[in-house]
């Protein structure tokens, strides 16, 4: 999977509120499908479909623990999203700084014009 495909898969997985809620639960610690399904009004197979989507995106992995297969959150894809967003944050920050400079310059010109006007 290319970096762009991973990013697409991560954003697609995060687009659903149930999957985000599952990730929030897994951020507290590993859990089985039964435990993850408990707070939702949906079947375990439906939760399993959401988990498969999260696993495809690399956001969740499973651990074999005797009879249990608890899932755990994987942070790497989220870190990649943060890195991707950071590039755009820096662009927006530079744009706001240029806008602040322009506004300060306009305000200065306006103050100079007021001082030069006869009252």
Protein backbone atom coordinates (compact mmCIF):
# COMPACT_ATOMS: atom_id res chain seq x y z
CA UNK A 1 0.00 0.00 0.00
CA UNK A 2 1.41 3.39 -0.97
CA UNK A 3 1.48 6.27 1.54
CA UNK A 4 -1.40 7.95 -0.34
CA UNK A 5 -3.45 4.73 -0.25
CA UNK A 6 -2.75 4.39 3.50
CA UNK A 7 -3.86 7.97 4.06
CA UNK A 8 -7.04 7.35 2.03
CA UNK A 9 -7.76 4.15 3.99
CA UNK A 10 -7.21 5.95 7.30
CA UNK A 11 -9.48 8.87 6.44
CA UNK A 12 -12.13 6.48 5.07
CA UNK A 13 -12.00 4.44 8.29
CA UNK A 14 -12.24 7.57 10.44
CA UNK A 15 -15.19 8.95 8.46
CA UNK A 16 -17.63 6.72 10.37
CA UNK A 17 -18.70 7.68 13.93
CA UNK A 18 -18.97 4.04 15.04
CA UNK A 19 -15.39 3.37 13.99
CA UNK A 20 -14.21 6.52 15.76
CA UNK A 21 -16.06 5.36 18.90
CA UNK A 22 -14.39 1.95 18.62
CA UNK A 23 -11.00 3.65 18.40
CA UNK A 24 -11.84 5.80 21.42
CA UNK A 25 -12.70 2.66 23.36
CA UNK A 26 -9.50 0.92 22.24
CA UNK A 27 -7.47 3.98 23.29
CA UNK A 28 -8.42 2.97 26.86
CA UNK A 29 -7.10 -0.56 26.36
CA UNK A 30 -7.54 -3.72 24.31
CA UNK A 31 -11.01 -5.24 23.99
CA UNK A 32 -12.75 -8.20 22.37
CA UNK A 33 -15.46 -7.89 19.72
CA UNK A 34 -18.07 -8.66 22.40
CA UNK A 35 -16.76 -5.90 24.63
CA UNK A 36 -16.60 -3.47 21.70
CA UNK A 37 -20.15 -4.32 20.61
CA UNK A 38 -21.66 -3.79 24.09
CA UNK A 39 -22.31 -0.02 23.91
CA UNK A 40 -23.75 -0.16 20.38
CA UNK A 41 -27.20 -1.17 19.22
CA UNK A 42 -25.78 -3.38 16.51
CA UNK A 43 -24.80 -7.00 16.09
CA UNK A 44 -21.32 -8.41 16.62
CA UNK A 45 -21.00 -9.16 12.86
CA UNK A 46 -21.68 -5.47 12.18
CA UNK A 47 -18.98 -4.51 14.69
CA UNK A 48 -16.67 -7.05 13.04
CA UNK A 49 -17.20 -5.32 9.67
CA UNK A 50 -16.20 -2.00 11.25
CA UNK A 51 -13.15 -3.68 12.80
CA UNK A 52 -12.11 -5.10 9.43
CA UNK A 53 -12.22 -1.60 7.97
CA UNK A 54 -10.10 -0.32 10.86
CA UNK A 55 -7.68 -3.25 10.45
CA UNK A 56 -7.37 -2.60 6.69
CA UNK A 57 -6.40 0.98 7.49
CA UNK A 58 -3.85 -0.33 10.01
CA UNK A 59 -5.57 1.46 12.88
CA UNK A 60 -6.39 -1.74 14.79
CA UNK A 61 -4.60 -5.05 15.21
CA UNK A 62 -5.63 -8.25 16.92
CA UNK A 63 -3.71 -10.22 19.49
CA UNK A 64 -4.11 -13.95 20.03
CA UNK A 65 -4.58 -14.57 23.74
CA UNK A 66 -5.62 -18.22 24.32
CA UNK A 67 -9.32 -18.31 23.35
CA UNK A 68 -9.62 -14.52 23.04
CA UNK A 69 -8.65 -12.28 20.12
CA UNK A 70 -8.68 -8.83 21.66
CA UNK A 71 -8.13 -5.83 19.42
CA UNK A 72 -5.75 -3.01 20.16
CA UNK A 73 -5.25 0.41 18.66
CA UNK A 74 -2.25 1.11 16.44
CA UNK A 75 -1.06 4.70 16.51
CA UNK A 76 1.15 4.85 13.41
CA UNK A 77 -1.62 5.70 10.88
CA UNK A 78 -2.88 8.45 13.19
CA UNK A 79 0.66 9.86 13.41
CA UNK A 80 0.80 9.89 9.59
CA UNK A 81 -2.43 11.92 9.52
CA UNK A 82 -1.01 14.38 12.04
CA UNK A 83 2.09 14.76 9.83
CA UNK A 84 -0.08 15.32 6.76
CA UNK A 85 -2.22 17.92 8.56
CA UNK A 86 0.86 19.65 9.99
CA UNK A 87 1.99 20.65 6.49
CA UNK A 88 -1.32 22.41 5.90
CA UNK A 89 -1.33 23.99 9.38
CA UNK A 90 2.01 25.60 8.59
CA UNK A 91 0.65 26.97 5.30
CA UNK A 92 -2.44 28.39 7.05
CA UNK A 93 -0.27 29.87 9.80
CA UNK A 94 1.94 31.67 7.23
CA UNK A 95 -1.20 32.98 5.49
CA UNK A 96 -2.59 34.32 8.79
CA UNK A 97 0.74 35.97 9.58
CA UNK A 98 0.71 37.72 6.18
CA UNK A 99 -2.91 38.79 6.77
CA UNK A 100 -2.01 40.13 10.25
CA UNK A 101 0.87 42.13 8.72
CA UNK A 102 -1.40 43.54 6.02
CA UNK A 103 -4.06 44.52 8.57
CA UNK A 104 -1.45 46.20 10.80
CA UNK A 105 -0.15 48.13 7.80
CA UNK A 106 -3.66 49.22 6.79
CA UNK A 107 -4.43 50.31 10.35
CA UNK A 108 -1.20 52.30 10.46
CA UNK A 109 -2.06 54.03 7.18
CA UNK A 110 -5.57 54.77 8.47
CA UNK A 111 -4.15 56.31 11.68
CA UNK A 112 -1.71 58.43 9.67
CA UNK A 113 -4.55 59.62 7.43
CA UNK A 114 -6.65 60.58 10.49
CA UNK A 115 -3.78 62.57 11.97
CA UNK A 116 -3.27 64.41 8.69
CA UNK A 117 -6.94 65.34 8.29
CA UNK A 118 -8.05 68.78 9.46
CA UNK A 119 -10.81 68.58 12.07
